[in-house]
Amino acid sequence: MNSRMTERKIILVKRKTRLEELVVRYNTIQQARFFMERLGADFSDYVLEDENYRRAVATATSELTALGRVQIVEREHVPNFIFGEQDTIVVLVRMGS
């Protein structure tokens, strides 16, 4: 059995951003914006956080791809995901929320 890192799968676990969660709840980004602005929140904070997190996921994916096969799994699916014995798990957290 060859144990090179490239033969193993790297599981990148990520979460939905607050913006993604709002879109799931309110169906569209426009509805999410309307709701949050009605509450007095600055919607640009949600957009900036989403952009930064997406960049972080892209960077992590790019870096990890050099080490092996990468599979992205949403945090909400982890309880049902079947991990292999040789899988390497990397968790990308979002800060400040």
C-alpha atoms as a PDB file:
ATOM      1  CA  MET A   1       0.000   0.000   0.000  1.00  0.00           C
ATOM      2  CA  ASN A   2       1.438   3.349  -1.043  1.00  0.00           C
ATOM      3  CA  SER A   3       1.086   5.989   1.693  1.00  0.00           C
ATOM      4  CA  ARG A   4       2.047   9.058  -0.327  1.00  0.00           C
ATOM      5  CA  MET A   5       0.011  12.105   0.600  1.00  0.00           C
ATOM      6  CA  THR A   6      -1.263  12.397  -2.979  1.00  0.00           C
ATOM      7  CA  GLU A   7      -2.986   9.016  -2.580  1.00  0.00           C
ATOM      8  CA  ARG A   8      -5.036  10.270   0.362  1.00  0.00           C
ATOM      9  CA  LYS A   9      -8.117  12.395   0.326  1.00  0.00           C
ATOM     10  CA  ILE A  10      -8.171  15.745   2.104  1.00  0.00           C
ATOM     11  CA  ILE A  11     -11.580  16.728   3.430  1.00  0.00           C
ATOM     12  CA  LEU A  12     -12.014  20.494   3.751  1.00  0.00           C
ATOM     13  CA  VAL A  13     -14.876  21.235   6.131  1.00  0.00           C
ATOM     14  CA  LYS A  14     -16.437  24.678   5.785  1.00  0.00           C
ATOM     15  CA  ARG A  15     -19.499  26.473   7.087  1.00  0.00           C
ATOM     16  CA  LYS A  16     -22.029  28.634   5.362  1.00  0.00           C
ATOM     17  CA  THR A  17     -21.407  32.334   5.826  1.00  0.00           C
ATOM     18  CA  ARG A  18     -24.020  34.496   7.507  1.00  0.00           C
ATOM     19  CA  LEU A  19     -24.969  35.776   4.046  1.00  0.00           C
ATOM     20  CA  GLU A  20     -25.437  32.246   2.709  1.00  0.00           C
ATOM     21  CA  GLU A  21     -27.588  31.399   5.730  1.00  0.00           C
ATOM     22  CA  LEU A  22     -29.719  34.503   5.127  1.00  0.00           C
ATOM     23  CA  VAL A  23     -30.190  33.594   1.467  1.00  0.00           C
ATOM     24  CA  VAL A  24     -31.298  30.100   2.486  1.00  0.00           C
ATOM     25  CA  ARG A  25     -33.769  31.634   4.937  1.00  0.00           C
ATOM     26  CA  TYR A  26     -35.109  34.427   2.696  1.00  0.00           C
ATOM     27  CA  ASN A  27     -34.599  32.800  -0.742  1.00  0.00           C
ATOM     28  CA  THR A  28     -32.792  35.695  -2.451  1.00  0.00           C
ATOM     29  CA  ILE A  29     -29.990  38.086  -1.640  1.00  0.00           C
ATOM     30  CA  GLN A  30     -32.381  40.977  -2.263  1.00  0.00           C
ATOM     31  CA  GLN A  31     -34.865  39.677   0.316  1.00  0.00           C
ATOM     32  CA  ALA A  32     -32.022  39.083   2.780  1.00  0.00           C
ATOM     33  CA  ARG A  33     -30.767  42.648   2.231  1.00  0.00           C
ATOM     34  CA  PHE A  34     -34.267  44.054   2.737  1.00  0.00           C
ATOM     35  CA  PHE A  35     -34.765  42.127   5.988  1.00  0.00           C
ATOM     36  CA  MET A  36     -31.380  43.005   7.471  1.00  0.00           C
ATOM     37  CA  GLU A  37     -31.623  46.681   6.530  1.00  0.00           C
ATOM     38  CA  ARG A  38     -35.088  46.813   8.125  1.00  0.00           C
ATOM     39  CA  LEU A  39     -33.401  45.636  11.333  1.00  0.00           C
ATOM     40  CA  GLY A  40     -30.832  48.420  10.993  1.00  0.00           C
ATOM     41  CA  ALA A  41     -27.902  46.154  10.133  1.00  0.00           C
ATOM     42  CA  ASP A  42     -25.202  47.162   7.668  1.00  0.00           C
ATOM     43  CA  PHE A  43     -25.641  44.600   4.897  1.00  0.00           C
ATOM     44  CA  SER A  44     -22.209  45.388   3.447  1.00  0.00           C
ATOM     45  CA  ASP A  45     -20.706  43.636   6.498  1.00  0.00           C
ATOM     46  CA  TYR A  46     -22.400  40.411   5.425  1.00  0.00           C
ATOM     47  CA  VAL A  47     -21.221  40.803   1.832  1.00  0.00           C
ATOM     48  CA  LEU A  48     -17.629  41.549   2.868  1.00  0.00           C
ATOM     49  CA  GLU A  49     -17.550  38.604   5.255  1.00  0.00           C
ATOM     50  CA  ASP A  50     -18.888  36.329   2.499  1.00  0.00           C
ATOM     51  CA  GLU A  51     -16.294  37.537  -0.032  1.00  0.00           C
ATOM     52  CA  ASN A  52     -13.430  37.089   2.454  1.00  0.00           C
ATOM     53  CA  TYR A  53     -14.554  33.600   3.443  1.00  0.00           C
ATOM     54  CA  ARG A  54     -14.977  32.522  -0.194  1.00  0.00           C
ATOM     55  CA  ARG A  55     -11.431  33.744  -0.899  1.00  0.00           C
ATOM     56  CA  ALA A  56     -10.155  31.799   2.113  1.00  0.00           C
ATOM     57  CA  VAL A  57     -11.901  28.631   0.882  1.00  0.00           C
ATOM     58  CA  ALA A  58     -10.427  29.111  -2.606  1.00  0.00           C
ATOM     59  CA  THR A  59      -6.937  29.687  -1.182  1.00  0.00           C
ATOM     60  CA  ALA A  60      -7.161  26.679   1.128  1.00  0.00           C
ATOM     61  CA  THR A  61      -8.439  24.500  -1.717  1.00  0.00           C
ATOM     62  CA  SER A  62      -5.611  25.636  -3.968  1.00  0.00           C
ATOM     63  CA  GLU A  63      -2.948  25.009  -1.326  1.00  0.00           C
ATOM     64  CA  LEU A  64      -4.371  21.644  -0.285  1.00  0.00           C
ATOM     65  CA  THR A  65      -4.701  20.457  -3.887  1.00  0.00           C
ATOM     66  CA  ALA A  66      -0.900  20.471  -4.052  1.00  0.00           C
ATOM     67  CA  LEU A  67      -0.943  17.846  -1.277  1.00  0.00           C
ATOM     68  CA  GLY A  68      -3.707  15.536  -2.481  1.00  0.00           C
ATOM     69  CA  ARG A  69      -7.299  15.188  -3.629  1.00  0.00           C
ATOM     70  CA  VAL A  70      -9.553  17.753  -1.958  1.00  0.00           C
ATOM     71  CA  GLN A  71     -13.225  17.312  -1.214  1.00  0.00           C
ATOM     72  CA  ILE A  72     -15.207  20.181   0.302  1.00  0.00           C
ATOM     73  CA  VAL A  73     -17.890  19.232   2.815  1.00  0.00           C
ATOM     74  CA  GLU A  74     -20.352  21.649   4.396  1.00  0.00           C
ATOM     75  CA  ARG A  75     -20.284  21.512   8.188  1.00  0.00           C
ATOM     76  CA  GLU A  76     -23.981  20.631   8.295  1.00  0.00           C
ATOM     77  CA  HIS A  77     -23.258  17.418   6.350  1.00  0.00           C
ATOM     78  CA  VAL A  78     -20.436  16.163   8.592  1.00  0.00           C
ATOM     79  CA  PRO A  79     -22.701  13.958  10.786  1.00  0.00           C
ATOM     80  CA  ASN A  80     -23.745  11.989   7.691  1.00  0.00           C
ATOM     81  CA  PHE A  81     -20.396  11.992   5.898  1.00  0.00           C
ATOM     82  CA  ILE A  82     -18.428   8.757   5.766  1.00  0.00           C
ATOM     83  CA  PHE A  83     -14.760   9.448   6.423  1.00  0.00           C
ATOM     84  CA  GLY A  84     -12.031   7.049   5.339  1.00  0.00           C
ATOM     85  CA  GLU A  85      -9.300   5.842   7.672  1.00  0.00           C
ATOM     86  CA  GLN A  86      -6.634   7.635   5.662  1.00  0.00           C
ATOM     87  CA  ASP A  87      -8.578  10.869   5.104  1.00  0.00           C
ATOM     88  CA  THR A  88      -7.026  14.072   6.366  1.00  0.00           C
ATOM     89  CA  ILE A  89      -9.543  16.520   7.811  1.00  0.00           C
ATOM     90  CA  VAL A  90      -9.014  20.284   7.558  1.00  0.00           C
ATOM     91  CA  VAL A  91     -11.561  22.632   9.104  1.00  0.00           C
ATOM     92  CA  LEU A  92     -11.849  26.206   7.878  1.00  0.00           C
ATOM     93  CA  VAL A  93     -13.554  28.406  10.457  1.00  0.00           C
ATOM     94  CA  ARG A  94     -14.978  31.840  10.016  1.00  0.00           C
ATOM     95  CA  MET A  95     -13.915  34.381  12.597  1.00  0.00           C
ATOM     96  CA  GLY A  96     -16.080  36.916  14.361  1.00  0.00           C
ATOM     97  CA  SER A  97     -19.447  35.217  14.173  1.00  0.00           C
END
